[in-house]
C-alpha atoms as a PDB file:
ATOM      1  CA  MET A   1     -50.732 -25.709 -20.599  1.00  0.00           C
ATOM      2  CA  SER A   2     -53.296 -27.841 -18.566  1.00  0.00           C
ATOM      3  CA  LYS A   3     -57.083 -27.420 -18.952  1.00  0.00           C
ATOM      4  CA  SER A   4     -57.446 -26.484 -15.093  1.00  0.00           C
ATOM      5  CA  LEU A   5     -54.404 -24.159 -15.430  1.00  0.00           C
ATOM      6  CA  PHE A   6     -56.235 -22.572 -18.374  1.00  0.00           C
ATOM      7  CA  THR A   7     -59.519 -22.241 -16.873  1.00  0.00           C
ATOM      8  CA  ILE A   8     -58.080 -20.518 -13.777  1.00  0.00           C
ATOM      9  CA  LEU A   9     -56.103 -18.119 -16.077  1.00  0.00           C
ATOM     10  CA  VAL A  10     -59.078 -17.238 -17.859  1.00  0.00           C
ATOM     11  CA  PHE A  11     -61.015 -16.642 -14.838  1.00  0.00           C
ATOM     12  CA  PHE A  12     -58.842 -14.460 -13.210  1.00  0.00           C
ATOM     13  CA  LEU A  13     -58.522 -12.252 -16.655  1.00  0.00           C
ATOM     14  CA  CYS A  14     -62.424 -12.075 -16.851  1.00  0.00           C
ATOM     15  CA  PHE A  15     -62.425 -10.969 -13.321  1.00  0.00           C
ATOM     16  CA  SER A  16     -59.626  -8.457 -13.704  1.00  0.00           C
ATOM     17  CA  CYS A  17     -61.345  -6.756 -16.841  1.00  0.00           C
ATOM     18  CA  GLN A  18     -64.982  -6.801 -15.119  1.00  0.00           C
ATOM     19  CA  THR A  19     -63.523  -5.389 -11.841  1.00  0.00           C
ATOM     20  CA  LYS A  20     -62.033  -2.667 -13.749  1.00  0.00           C
ATOM     21  CA  SER A  21     -65.049  -1.923 -15.846  1.00  0.00           C
ATOM     22  CA  LYS A  22     -66.916  -1.669 -12.734  1.00  0.00           C
ATOM     23  CA  ILE A  23     -64.987   0.995 -11.132  1.00  0.00           C
ATOM     24  CA  GLU A  24     -64.895   3.172 -14.332  1.00  0.00           C
ATOM     25  CA  GLY A  25     -67.296   6.269 -13.997  1.00  0.00           C
ATOM     26  CA  ASN A  26     -67.642   9.123 -11.202  1.00  0.00           C
ATOM     27  CA  TRP A  27     -67.904   8.514  -7.995  1.00  0.00           C
ATOM     28  CA  VAL A  28     -68.009  11.016  -4.581  1.00  0.00           C
ATOM     29  CA  LEU A  29     -66.457   9.923  -1.459  1.00  0.00           C
ATOM     30  CA  ALA A  30     -69.090   9.075   1.066  1.00  0.00           C
ATOM     31  CA  TYR A  31     -66.989   8.982   3.912  1.00  0.00           C
ATOM     32  CA  TYR A  32     -63.689   7.447   4.980  1.00  0.00           C
ATOM     33  CA  GLN A  33     -63.011   5.169   8.300  1.00  0.00           C
ATOM     34  CA  ILE A  34     -60.218   5.341  10.507  1.00  0.00           C
ATOM     35  CA  ILE A  35     -59.580   1.648  12.114  1.00  0.00           C
ATOM     36  CA  THR A  36     -57.396   1.751  15.291  1.00  0.00           C
ATOM     37  CA  ASN A  37     -57.306  -0.145  18.210  1.00  0.00           C
ATOM     38  CA  LYS A  38     -60.623  -1.840  17.090  1.00  0.00           C
ATOM     39  CA  ASP A  39     -62.309   2.013  16.954  1.00  0.00           C
ATOM     40  CA  THR A  40     -63.680   2.849  14.250  1.00  0.00           C
ATOM     41  CA  ILE A  41     -63.998   6.549  13.534  1.00  0.00           C
ATOM     42  CA  LYS A  42     -65.998   8.121  10.556  1.00  0.00           C
ATOM     43  CA  LEU A  43     -65.317  11.177   8.568  1.00  0.00           C
ATOM     44  CA  ASN A  44     -66.049  13.331   5.798  1.00  0.00           C
ATOM     45  CA  GLU A  45     -64.310  14.887   3.325  1.00  0.00           C
ATOM     46  CA  CYS A  46     -64.858  16.798  -0.123  1.00  0.00           C
ATOM     47  CA  GLN A  47     -63.519  14.319  -2.907  1.00  0.00           C
ATOM     48  CA  LEU A  48     -64.426  13.604  -6.279  1.00  0.00           C
ATOM     49  CA  ILE A  49     -62.983  11.251  -8.479  1.00  0.00           C
ATOM     50  CA  SER A  50     -63.455  10.001 -12.360  1.00  0.00           C
ATOM     51  CA  ILE A  51     -62.134   6.842 -13.483  1.00  0.00           C
ATOM     52  CA  ASN A  52     -61.755   5.905 -17.204  1.00  0.00           C
ATOM     53  CA  GLU A  53     -60.361   3.242 -18.816  1.00  0.00           C
ATOM     54  CA  ASN A  54     -56.488   4.918 -18.537  1.00  0.00           C
ATOM     55  CA  THR A  55     -57.005   7.854 -16.362  1.00  0.00           C
ATOM     56  CA  LEU A  56     -58.504   8.919 -12.843  1.00  0.00           C
ATOM     57  CA  LYS A  57     -59.208  12.579 -12.403  1.00  0.00           C
ATOM     58  CA  TYR A  58     -59.331  13.863  -8.985  1.00  0.00           C
ATOM     59  CA  LEU A  59     -60.467  16.696  -7.344  1.00  0.00           C
ATOM     60  CA  THR A  60     -60.233  17.526  -3.309  1.00  0.00           C
ATOM     61  CA  CYS A  61     -61.736  20.733  -2.056  1.00  0.00           C
ATOM     62  CA  GLN A  62     -58.995  22.148   0.540  1.00  0.00           C
ATOM     63  CA  LYS A  63     -60.280  22.523   3.904  1.00  0.00           C
ATOM     64  CA  ASN A  64     -57.649  25.708   4.832  1.00  0.00           C
ATOM     65  CA  ASN A  65     -58.371  27.887   1.867  1.00  0.00           C
ATOM     66  CA  ILE A  66     -62.434  27.584   1.648  1.00  0.00           C
ATOM     67  CA  GLY A  67     -63.514  27.858  -2.162  1.00  0.00           C
ATOM     68  CA  ASP A  68     -60.335  26.618  -3.345  1.00  0.00           C
ATOM     69  CA  THR A  69     -59.723  23.217  -5.005  1.00  0.00           C
ATOM     70  CA  SER A  70     -56.851  20.685  -6.177  1.00  0.00           C
ATOM     71  CA  PHE A  71     -57.665  19.008  -9.630  1.00  0.00           C
ATOM     72  CA  TYR A  72     -55.095  16.134 -10.718  1.00  0.00           C
ATOM     73  CA  SER A  73     -55.728  14.123 -14.037  1.00  0.00           C
ATOM     74  CA  LYS A  74     -53.173  11.012 -13.726  1.00  0.00           C
ATOM     75  CA  LYS A  75     -52.477   7.798 -15.852  1.00  0.00           C
ATOM     76  CA  TYR A  76     -53.207   4.538 -14.115  1.00  0.00           C
ATOM     77  CA  GLN A  77     -52.360   0.972 -14.343  1.00  0.00           C
ATOM     78  CA  LYS A  78     -54.752  -1.693 -12.407  1.00  0.00           C
ATOM     79  CA  GLU A  79     -52.700  -4.887 -11.460  1.00  0.00           C
ATOM     80  CA  GLY A  80     -54.935  -7.405  -9.903  1.00  0.00           C
ATOM     81  CA  ASN A  81     -56.879  -5.564  -6.783  1.00  0.00           C
ATOM     82  CA  LEU A  82     -54.239  -2.599  -7.062  1.00  0.00           C
ATOM     83  CA  ILE A  83     -54.388   0.723  -8.613  1.00  0.00           C
ATOM     84  CA  TYR A  84     -51.336   2.594  -9.253  1.00  0.00           C
ATOM     85  CA  PHE A  85     -50.013   5.828 -10.928  1.00  0.00           C
ATOM     86  CA  ASN A  86     -46.883   6.085 -13.031  1.00  0.00           C
ATOM     87  CA  ASP A  87     -45.651   2.192 -12.773  1.00  0.00           C
ATOM     88  CA  ASP A  88     -45.290   2.887  -9.186  1.00  0.00           C
ATOM     89  CA  VAL A  89     -46.783  -0.045  -7.417  1.00  0.00           C
ATOM     90  CA  GLU A  90     -45.677   1.723  -4.089  1.00  0.00           C
ATOM     91  CA  ASN A  91     -48.219   4.303  -4.679  1.00  0.00           C
ATOM     92  CA  SER A  92     -51.144   2.572  -4.852  1.00  0.00           C
ATOM     93  CA  PHE A  93     -54.718   1.974  -3.757  1.00  0.00           C
ATOM     94  CA  LYS A  94     -56.156  -1.747  -3.100  1.00  0.00           C
ATOM     95  CA  ILE A  95     -59.579  -2.357  -4.097  1.00  0.00           C
ATOM     96  CA  ILE A  96     -61.517  -3.915  -1.261  1.00  0.00           C
ATOM     97  CA  SER A  97     -64.822  -3.944  -2.906  1.00  0.00           C
ATOM     98  CA  VAL A  98     -66.923  -2.595  -5.850  1.00  0.00           C
ATOM     99  CA  ASN A  99     -70.294  -3.100  -7.020  1.00  0.00           C
ATOM    100  CA  LEU A 100     -72.892  -1.139  -9.470  1.00  0.00           C
ATOM    101  CA  ASP A 101     -73.009   1.814  -6.791  1.00  0.00           C
ATOM    102  CA  SER A 102     -70.207   1.719  -4.431  1.00  0.00           C
ATOM    103  CA  LEU A 103     -66.329   1.503  -4.416  1.00  0.00           C
ATOM    104  CA  VAL A 104     -64.360   1.002  -1.403  1.00  0.00           C
ATOM    105  CA  LEU A 105     -60.346   2.015  -1.763  1.00  0.00           C
ATOM    106  CA  LYS A 106     -57.301   1.249   0.958  1.00  0.00           C
ATOM    107  CA  ASP A 107     -54.306   3.535   0.863  1.00  0.00           C
ATOM    108  CA  THR A 108     -51.561   0.908   0.924  1.00  0.00           C
ATOM    109  CA  ARG A 109     -48.864   3.754   1.705  1.00  0.00           C
ATOM    110  CA  ASP A 110     -50.537   4.304   5.198  1.00  0.00           C
ATOM    111  CA  SER A 111     -49.857   2.457   8.287  1.00  0.00           C
ATOM    112  CA  ASN A 112     -53.458   3.118   9.310  1.00  0.00           C
ATOM    113  CA  GLN A 113     -56.397   1.489   8.195  1.00  0.00           C
ATOM    114  CA  TYR A 114     -57.778   4.263   6.100  1.00  0.00           C
ATOM    115  CA  THR A 115     -61.077   3.041   4.190  1.00  0.00           C
ATOM    116  CA  PHE A 116     -62.784   5.233   1.455  1.00  0.00           C
ATOM    117  CA  VAL A 117     -66.124   4.586   0.693  1.00  0.00           C
ATOM    118  CA  TYR A 118     -67.067   5.801  -2.509  1.00  0.00           C
ATOM    119  CA  LYS A 119     -70.963   6.369  -4.073  1.00  0.00           C
ATOM    120  CA  LYS A 120     -71.286   6.481  -7.516  1.00  0.00           C
ATOM    121  CA  LEU A 121     -72.707   9.578  -9.323  1.00  0.00           C
ATOM    122  CA  PRO A 122     -75.740   8.961 -11.394  1.00  0.00           C
ATOM    123  CA  PRO A 123     -74.712   8.394 -14.880  1.00  0.00           C
ATOM    124  CA  ASP A 124     -77.591  10.306 -16.725  1.00  0.00           C
ATOM    125  CA  TYR A 125     -76.808  13.299 -14.683  1.00  0.00           C
ATOM    126  CA  LYS A 126     -77.881  16.682 -16.544  1.00  0.00           C
ATOM    127  CA  SER A 127     -75.968  19.928 -15.172  1.00  0.00           C
ATOM    128  CA  SER A 128     -78.257  22.502 -13.859  1.00  0.00           C
ATOM    129  CA  SER A 129     -77.566  26.220 -13.894  1.00  0.00           C
ATOM    130  CA  TRP A 130     -78.187  27.953 -10.192  1.00  0.00           C
ATOM    131  CA  ASN A 131     -77.225  31.193  -8.752  1.00  0.00           C
ATOM    132  CA  PRO A 132     -78.140  31.371  -4.979  1.00  0.00           C
ATOM    133  CA  ILE A 133     -76.702  34.725  -4.108  1.00  0.00           C
ATOM    134  CA  ASN A 134     -79.000  36.925  -2.325  1.00  0.00           C
ATOM    135  CA  LYS A 135     -82.140  34.274  -2.207  1.00  0.00           C
ATOM    136  CA  LYS A 136     -83.678  33.087   0.175  1.00  0.00           C
ATOM    137  CA  TYR A 137     -85.083  29.038   0.965  1.00  0.00           C
ATOM    138  CA  GLU A 138     -86.963  26.558   2.965  1.00  0.00           C
ATOM    139  CA  PHE A 139     -84.717  23.607   2.965  1.00  0.00           C
ATOM    140  CA  ILE A 140     -86.969  20.309   3.604  1.00  0.00           C
ATOM    141  CA  GLY A 141     -85.428  17.231   4.509  1.00  0.00           C
ATOM    142  CA  LYS A 142     -86.360  13.782   6.192  1.00  0.00           C
ATOM    143  CA  ASN A 143     -85.600  15.550   9.767  1.00  0.00           C
ATOM    144  CA  GLY A 144     -87.252  18.514   9.421  1.00  0.00           C
ATOM    145  CA  LYS A 145     -86.950  21.889   8.324  1.00  0.00           C
ATOM    146  CA  ALA A 146     -84.829  24.933   8.203  1.00  0.00           C
ATOM    147  CA  TYR A 147     -84.153  28.391   6.598  1.00  0.00           C
ATOM    148  CA  PHE A 148     -81.076  28.931   3.899  1.00  0.00           C
ATOM    149  CA  GLU A 149     -79.904  32.288   3.010  1.00  0.00           C
ATOM    150  CA  PHE A 150     -77.371  33.029   0.764  1.00  0.00           C
ATOM    151  CA  ILE A 151     -76.250  36.149   2.146  1.00  0.00           C
ATOM    152  CA  THR A 152     -73.027  36.755  -0.320  1.00  0.00           C
ATOM    153  CA  ASP A 153     -71.077  34.780  -2.883  1.00  0.00           C
ATOM    154  CA  SER A 154     -69.170  32.741   0.164  1.00  0.00           C
ATOM    155  CA  LEU A 155     -71.561  33.529   3.353  1.00  0.00           C
ATOM    156  CA  MET A 156     -74.794  31.032   4.033  1.00  0.00           C
ATOM    157  CA  LEU A 157     -77.101  31.487   7.031  1.00  0.00           C
ATOM    158  CA  GLU A 158     -79.118  28.936   8.635  1.00  0.00           C
ATOM    159  CA  TYR A 159     -81.713  28.839  10.879  1.00  0.00           C
ATOM    160  CA  ASN A 160     -82.318  25.256  12.533  1.00  0.00           C
ATOM    161  CA  LEU A 161     -85.859  24.915  13.474  1.00  0.00           C
ATOM    162  CA  ASN A 162     -84.995  22.012  15.702  1.00  0.00           C
ATOM    163  CA  THR A 163     -82.385  24.005  17.778  1.00  0.00           C
ATOM    164  CA  LYS A 164     -83.653  27.692  17.351  1.00  0.00           C
ATOM    165  CA  LEU A 165     -80.217  28.678  16.407  1.00  0.00           C
ATOM    166  CA  PHE A 166     -78.396  30.625  13.570  1.00  0.00           C
ATOM    167  CA  SER A 167     -75.420  29.583  12.526  1.00  0.00           C
ATOM    168  CA  THR A 168     -73.299  30.692   9.331  1.00  0.00           C
ATOM    169  CA  LYS A 169     -71.363  28.450   7.046  1.00  0.00           C
ATOM    170  CA  LYS A 170     -69.197  29.199   4.182  1.00  0.00           C
ATOM    171  CA  TRP A 171     -70.524  28.006   0.456  1.00  0.00           C
ATOM    172  CA  TRP A 172     -69.698  27.700  -3.103  1.00  0.00           C
ATOM    173  CA  LEU A 173     -70.662  26.264  -5.974  1.00  0.00           C
ATOM    174  CA  GLU A 174     -68.296  23.280  -7.399  1.00  0.00           C
ATOM    175  CA  GLU A 175     -68.181  21.557 -11.185  1.00  0.00           C
ATOM    176  CA  PHE A 176     -66.738  18.470 -11.878  1.00  0.00           C
ATOM    177  CA  GLU A 177     -66.909  15.999 -14.943  1.00  0.00           C
ATOM    178  CA  ASN A 178     -70.264  18.199 -15.783  1.00  0.00           C
ATOM    179  CA  TYR A 179     -71.407  17.580 -12.523  1.00  0.00           C
ATOM    180  CA  SER A 180     -72.784  20.269 -10.454  1.00  0.00           C
ATOM    181  CA  PHE A 181     -72.293  20.671  -6.695  1.00  0.00           C
ATOM    182  CA  LEU A 182     -73.420  23.216  -3.476  1.00  0.00           C
ATOM    183  CA  VAL A 183     -70.320  22.565  -0.997  1.00  0.00           C
ATOM    184  CA  LEU A 184     -71.210  24.001   2.616  1.00  0.00           C
ATOM    185  CA  ASN A 185     -68.042  24.089   5.008  1.00  0.00           C
ATOM    186  CA  GLN A 186     -69.575  21.777   7.813  1.00  0.00           C
ATOM    187  CA  LEU A 187     -67.662  21.740  11.236  1.00  0.00           C
ATOM    188  CA  ASP A 188     -65.230  18.734  10.130  1.00  0.00           C
ATOM    189  CA  ALA A 189     -64.872  19.502   6.377  1.00  0.00           C
ATOM    190  CA  PRO A 190     -66.673  20.902   3.232  1.00  0.00           C
ATOM    191  CA  GLN A 191     -69.425  18.632   2.219  1.00  0.00           C
ATOM    192  CA  PRO A 192     -70.419  18.341  -1.408  1.00  0.00           C
ATOM    193  CA  ILE A 193     -74.218  18.309  -1.973  1.00  0.00           C
ATOM    194  CA  LEU A 194     -75.039  17.262  -5.791  1.00  0.00           C
ATOM    195  CA  ILE A 195     -77.633  19.335  -7.471  1.00  0.00           C
ATOM    196  CA  ASP A 196     -79.867  16.812  -9.014  1.00  0.00           C
ATOM    197  CA  SER A 197     -82.093  19.636 -10.755  1.00  0.00           C
ATOM    198  CA  VAL A 198     -83.408  22.944 -10.677  1.00  0.00           C
ATOM    199  CA  ASN A 199     -87.156  23.436 -11.451  1.00  0.00           C
ATOM    200  CA  GLN A 200     -88.430  27.114 -11.097  1.00  0.00           C
ATOM    201  CA  GLN A 201     -87.964  28.200  -7.632  1.00  0.00           C
ATOM    202  CA  THR A 202     -87.480  24.514  -6.159  1.00  0.00           C
ATOM    203  CA  ILE A 203     -83.509  22.743  -5.914  1.00  0.00           C
ATOM    204  CA  PHE A 204     -83.742  19.203  -5.838  1.00  0.00           C
ATOM    205  CA  LEU A 205     -80.324  18.024  -4.041  1.00  0.00           C
ATOM    206  CA  SER A 206     -78.691  14.981  -2.694  1.00  0.00           C
ATOM    207  CA  THR A 207     -76.208  14.042  -0.084  1.00  0.00           C
ATOM    208  CA  TYR A 208     -74.184  11.080  -0.157  1.00  0.00           C
ATOM    209  CA  ASP A 209     -72.981   9.064   3.252  1.00  0.00           C
ATOM    210  CA  THR A 210     -73.766   5.688   4.491  1.00  0.00           C
ATOM    211  CA  SER A 211     -76.950   6.225   2.380  1.00  0.00           C
ATOM    212  CA  ILE A 212     -78.148   8.713  -0.110  1.00  0.00           C
ATOM    213  CA  ASN A 213     -80.651  11.534   0.935  1.00  0.00           C
ATOM    214  CA  HIS A 214     -82.499  13.821  -1.129  1.00  0.00           C
ATOM    215  CA  TYR A 215     -83.754  17.441  -0.174  1.00  0.00           C
ATOM    216  CA  SER A 216     -84.985  20.231  -1.610  1.00  0.00           C
ATOM    217  CA  LEU A 217     -84.954  24.148  -1.439  1.00  0.00           C
ATOM    218  CA  LYS A 218     -88.120  25.816  -1.710  1.00  0.00           C
ATOM    219  CA  GLU A 219     -87.473  29.457  -2.802  1.00  0.00           C
ATOM    220  CA  TYR A 220     -89.794  32.226  -1.095  1.00  0.00           C
ATOM    221  CA  GLN A 221     -89.995  35.652  -0.338  1.00  0.00           C
ATOM    222  CA  PRO A 222     -90.415  37.055   3.117  1.00  0.00           C
ATOM    223  CA  PRO A 223     -92.248  39.631   4.789  1.00  0.00           C
ATOM    224  CA  ASP A 224     -90.454  43.140   4.809  1.00  0.00           C
ATOM    225  CA  VAL A 225     -90.686  44.208   8.864  1.00  0.00           C
ATOM    226  CA  LYS A 226     -87.516  46.270   8.264  1.00  0.00           C
ATOM    227  CA  LYS A 227     -89.759  49.585   7.859  1.00  0.00           C
ATOM    228  CA  ASN A 228     -92.204  48.815  10.905  1.00  0.00           C
ATOM    229  CA  LEU A 229     -89.066  48.075  12.718  1.00  0.00           C
ATOM    230  CA  GLN A 230     -87.543  51.291  12.887  1.00  0.00           C
ATOM    231  CA  GLY A 231     -88.118  54.280  15.543  1.00  0.00           C
ATOM    232  CA  GLU A 232     -87.364  54.501  18.943  1.00  0.00           C
ATOM    233  CA  TRP A 233     -88.907  51.851  21.328  1.00  0.00           C
ATOM    234  CA  LYS A 234     -89.314  51.868  25.248  1.00  0.00           C
ATOM    235  CA  LEU A 235     -90.051  48.751  27.472  1.00  0.00           C
ATOM    236  CA  LEU A 236     -93.670  48.783  29.082  1.00  0.00           C
ATOM    237  CA  LYS A 237     -93.755  48.399  32.218  1.00  0.00           C
ATOM    238  CA  SER A 238     -96.896  47.125  34.434  1.00  0.00           C
ATOM    239  CA  ASP A 239     -95.365  47.444  37.730  1.00  0.00           C
ATOM    240  CA  ILE A 240     -96.387  50.547  39.832  1.00  0.00           C
ATOM    241  CA  PRO A 241     -94.043  51.841  40.644  1.00  0.00           C
ATOM    242  CA  PRO A 242     -91.845  50.812  37.745  1.00  0.00           C
ATOM    243  CA  SER A 243     -89.658  48.145  38.876  1.00  0.00           C
ATOM    244  CA  PRO A 244     -85.395  48.465  38.302  1.00  0.00           C
ATOM    245  CA  PRO A 245     -83.796  47.417  35.338  1.00  0.00           C
ATOM    246  CA  GLU A 246     -83.478  43.435  35.276  1.00  0.00           C
ATOM    247  CA  SER A 247     -80.393  43.342  35.286  1.00  0.00           C
ATOM    248  CA  LEU A 248     -77.333  45.782  35.570  1.00  0.00           C
ATOM    249  CA  ILE A 249     -75.863  44.750  32.124  1.00  0.00           C
ATOM    250  CA  PHE A 250     -79.395  44.689  30.643  1.00  0.00           C
ATOM    251  CA  GLN A 251     -79.238  47.621  27.973  1.00  0.00           C
ATOM    252  CA  PHE A 252     -82.658  47.716  26.299  1.00  0.00           C
ATOM    253  CA  GLU A 253     -84.717  49.463  28.424  1.00  0.00           C
ATOM    254  CA  LYS A 254     -85.188  51.761  25.389  1.00  0.00           C
ATOM    255  CA  PHE A 255     -83.515  51.788  21.927  1.00  0.00           C
ATOM    256  CA  GLN A 256     -83.529  53.457  18.672  1.00  0.00           C
ATOM    257  CA  ILE A 257     -83.812  51.020  15.449  1.00  0.00           C
ATOM    258  CA  ILE A 258     -82.607  52.775  11.756  1.00  0.00           C
ATOM    259  CA  SER A 259     -82.317  50.702   8.731  1.00  0.00           C
ATOM    260  CA  ASP A 260     -79.457  48.719   9.621  1.00  0.00           C
ATOM    261  CA  SER A 261     -77.962  49.415  13.436  1.00  0.00           C
ATOM    262  CA  ILE A 262     -79.750  49.659  16.859  1.00  0.00           C
ATOM    263  CA  PHE A 263     -78.955  51.986  19.258  1.00  0.00           C
ATOM    264  CA  ALA A 264     -79.025  51.341  22.943  1.00  0.00           C
ATOM    265  CA  GLY A 265     -77.480  51.818  26.530  1.00  0.00           C
ATOM    266  CA  ASN A 266     -76.340  55.360  27.347  1.00  0.00           C
ATOM    267  CA  SER A 267     -73.577  57.919  27.596  1.00  0.00           C
ATOM    268  CA  ARG A 268     -71.692  56.145  29.783  1.00  0.00           C
ATOM    269  CA  ILE A 269     -72.003  52.634  28.220  1.00  0.00           C
ATOM    270  CA  PRO A 270     -73.027  53.284  24.792  1.00  0.00           C
ATOM    271  CA  PHE A 271     -74.607  50.437  22.500  1.00  0.00           C
ATOM    272  CA  LYS A 272     -74.402  49.955  18.523  1.00  0.00           C
ATOM    273  CA  GLU A 273     -74.931  47.120  16.481  1.00  0.00           C
ATOM    274  CA  LYS A 274     -75.478  46.235  12.923  1.00  0.00           C
ATOM    275  CA  TRP A 275     -78.835  43.962  12.389  1.00  0.00           C
ATOM    276  CA  MET A 276     -80.515  42.412   9.751  1.00  0.00           C
ATOM    277  CA  GLN A 277     -84.056  40.893   8.944  1.00  0.00           C
ATOM    278  CA  THR A 278     -83.572  37.003   8.611  1.00  0.00           C
ATOM    279  CA  GLY A 279     -85.142  35.119   6.114  1.00  0.00           C
ATOM    280  CA  ASN A 280     -88.216  34.152   7.809  1.00  0.00           C
ATOM    281  CA  GLY A 281     -88.902  37.676   8.600  1.00  0.00           C
ATOM    282  CA  ALA A 282     -89.340  36.914  12.333  1.00  0.00           C
ATOM    283  CA  ASN A 283     -86.288  37.830  13.950  1.00  0.00           C
ATOM    284  CA  ILE A 284     -83.862  40.588  14.592  1.00  0.00           C
ATOM    285  CA  LEU A 285     -80.682  38.767  13.583  1.00  0.00           C
ATOM    286  CA  PHE A 286     -77.136  40.164  14.799  1.00  0.00           C
ATOM    287  CA  PRO A 287     -74.296  39.118  12.924  1.00  0.00           C
ATOM    288  CA  THR A 288     -71.392  37.974  14.944  1.00  0.00           C
ATOM    289  CA  GLU A 289     -67.658  38.217  13.834  1.00  0.00           C
ATOM    290  CA  LYS A 290     -65.357  35.148  14.641  1.00  0.00           C
ATOM    291  CA  SER A 291     -68.210  33.160  15.629  1.00  0.00           C
ATOM    292  CA  LYS A 292     -70.485  30.351  13.879  1.00  0.00           C
ATOM    293  CA  TYR A 293     -74.050  31.596  15.930  1.00  0.00           C
ATOM    294  CA  TRP A 294     -75.425  34.563  15.206  1.00  0.00           C
ATOM    295  CA  ARG A 295     -77.377  36.132  18.313  1.00  0.00           C
ATOM    296  CA  HIS A 296     -81.067  37.303  17.623  1.00  0.00           C
ATOM    297  CA  TRP A 297     -84.171  38.452  19.278  1.00  0.00           C
ATOM    298  CA  LYS A 298     -87.728  36.853  17.889  1.00  0.00           C
ATOM    299  CA  ILE A 299     -90.639  38.964  16.777  1.00  0.00           C
ATOM    300  CA  ILE A 300     -93.397  37.882  18.687  1.00  0.00           C
ATOM    301  CA  GLU A 301     -95.986  40.683  17.428  1.00  0.00           C
ATOM    302  CA  LEU A 302     -95.355  43.618  15.410  1.00  0.00           C
ATOM    303  CA  LYS A 303     -97.969  46.412  15.043  1.00  0.00           C
ATOM    304  CA  GLN A 304     -97.488  49.984  14.568  1.00  0.00           C
ATOM    305  CA  ASP A 305     -96.737  51.042  17.688  1.00  0.00           C
ATOM    306  CA  THR A 306     -96.053  47.605  19.818  1.00  0.00           C
ATOM    307  CA  LEU A 307     -93.406  45.351  19.444  1.00  0.00           C
ATOM    308  CA  VAL A 308     -93.275  41.999  21.313  1.00  0.00           C
ATOM    309  CA  LEU A 309     -89.738  40.169  21.931  1.00  0.00           C
ATOM    310  CA  GLU A 310     -88.249  37.085  23.036  1.00  0.00           C
ATOM    311  CA  MET A 311     -84.923  38.217  23.990  1.00  0.00           C
ATOM    312  CA  PRO A 312     -82.142  36.943  26.504  1.00  0.00           C
ATOM    313  CA  ASP A 313     -81.333  38.946  29.797  1.00  0.00           C
ATOM    314  CA  VAL A 314     -77.920  39.564  28.659  1.00  0.00           C
ATOM    315  CA  PHE A 315     -76.556  40.156  24.951  1.00  0.00           C
ATOM    316  CA  ALA A 316     -74.040  37.516  25.125  1.00  0.00           C
ATOM    317  CA  LEU A 317     -73.484  34.469  22.969  1.00  0.00           C
ATOM    318  CA  ASP A 318     -71.790  30.767  23.775  1.00  0.00           C
ATOM    319  CA  SER A 319     -70.690  32.493  27.439  1.00  0.00           C
ATOM    320  CA  PRO A 320     -71.363  29.751  30.039  1.00  0.00           C
ATOM    321  CA  ASP A 321     -70.276  31.925  33.118  1.00  0.00           C
ATOM    322  CA  MET A 322     -73.597  34.632  32.313  1.00  0.00           C
ATOM    323  CA  PRO A 323     -77.227  33.812  32.391  1.00  0.00           C
ATOM    324  CA  ASN A 324     -78.819  33.774  29.325  1.00  0.00           C
ATOM    325  CA  ARG A 325     -82.844  32.836  29.785  1.00  0.00           C
ATOM    326  CA  LEU A 326     -85.409  34.370  27.381  1.00  0.00           C
ATOM    327  CA  ARG A 327     -88.013  36.383  28.149  1.00  0.00           C
ATOM    328  CA  ILE A 328     -90.950  38.024  26.528  1.00  0.00           C
ATOM    329  CA  ARG A 329     -90.614  41.935  26.847  1.00  0.00           C
ATOM    330  CA  THR A 330     -92.981  44.399  25.378  1.00  0.00           C
ATOM    331  CA  TYR A 331     -92.035  47.637  23.724  1.00  0.00           C
ATOM    332  CA  ILE A 332     -94.083  50.499  22.825  1.00  0.00           C
ATOM    333  CA  LYS A 333     -92.573  53.538  19.908  1.00  0.00           C
ATOM    334  CA  SER A 334     -92.147  56.648  22.114  1.00  0.00           C
END
């Protein structure tokens, strides 16, 4: 064997070993790209992998069965820049690039250009115990604040201070290779959020996308306004003589609030709706079945016999054909 050929062989073997060493560790899918007709579409998915010397472990959160996961553990081989399983080179992934914190793979079986970008999870991670059920948190991130309320063991309510909307999301806790994740079911797919640490009433989190972003959840106890809201309320009108109802479908000239329901309307068009107090105590919230968004009234002022609300003209949501202007209305307890 010539000296130059020997040098090339040694270099290839060293490179292959270094590449295999670099791909070892625990990874979370940050995003994947579909490249078709020169257009790039970025998508998210809940996917975790763990790679050691001979075994690749794989966990994915199922989109159609929220809370269910699929876990696989397979022996793998590496040949050049290919990772394949069970001596089946056809069933393989191509390593596009790998460095200390990123791993980019391509599925060789697909005709489309699928590129998967993984971010490395911190190797010195310590799992934290956390149970958020029935707890309320202020979400603090680089883009502002929001309120999270974990209503049940699978349903979370988010109040976005920028959009002023209440939305619901499915959630669960996921464990993988001693890493703990809060998984939120977003619009496109479940998103795994790493639970970095739990410090008394503050939860520190990280999301992995094109960059790593850090957030915190700070637990708090809101004021309980339910007792002051209960009773019969009548719309205060300053006009003399009183003006007619603002809208033929506005049912809240007067209404009654009990612990968990609101009654309004009349015998011809009766109205009964479940309600709850939001996490920050400033809204009357109406859970809406089969809808991501929940209807709400904002409490401007609440005294023993006076209630000032910001509320829509009609009790509807996501109805583009109906006016939904917000108005300030004052009620007195009757």
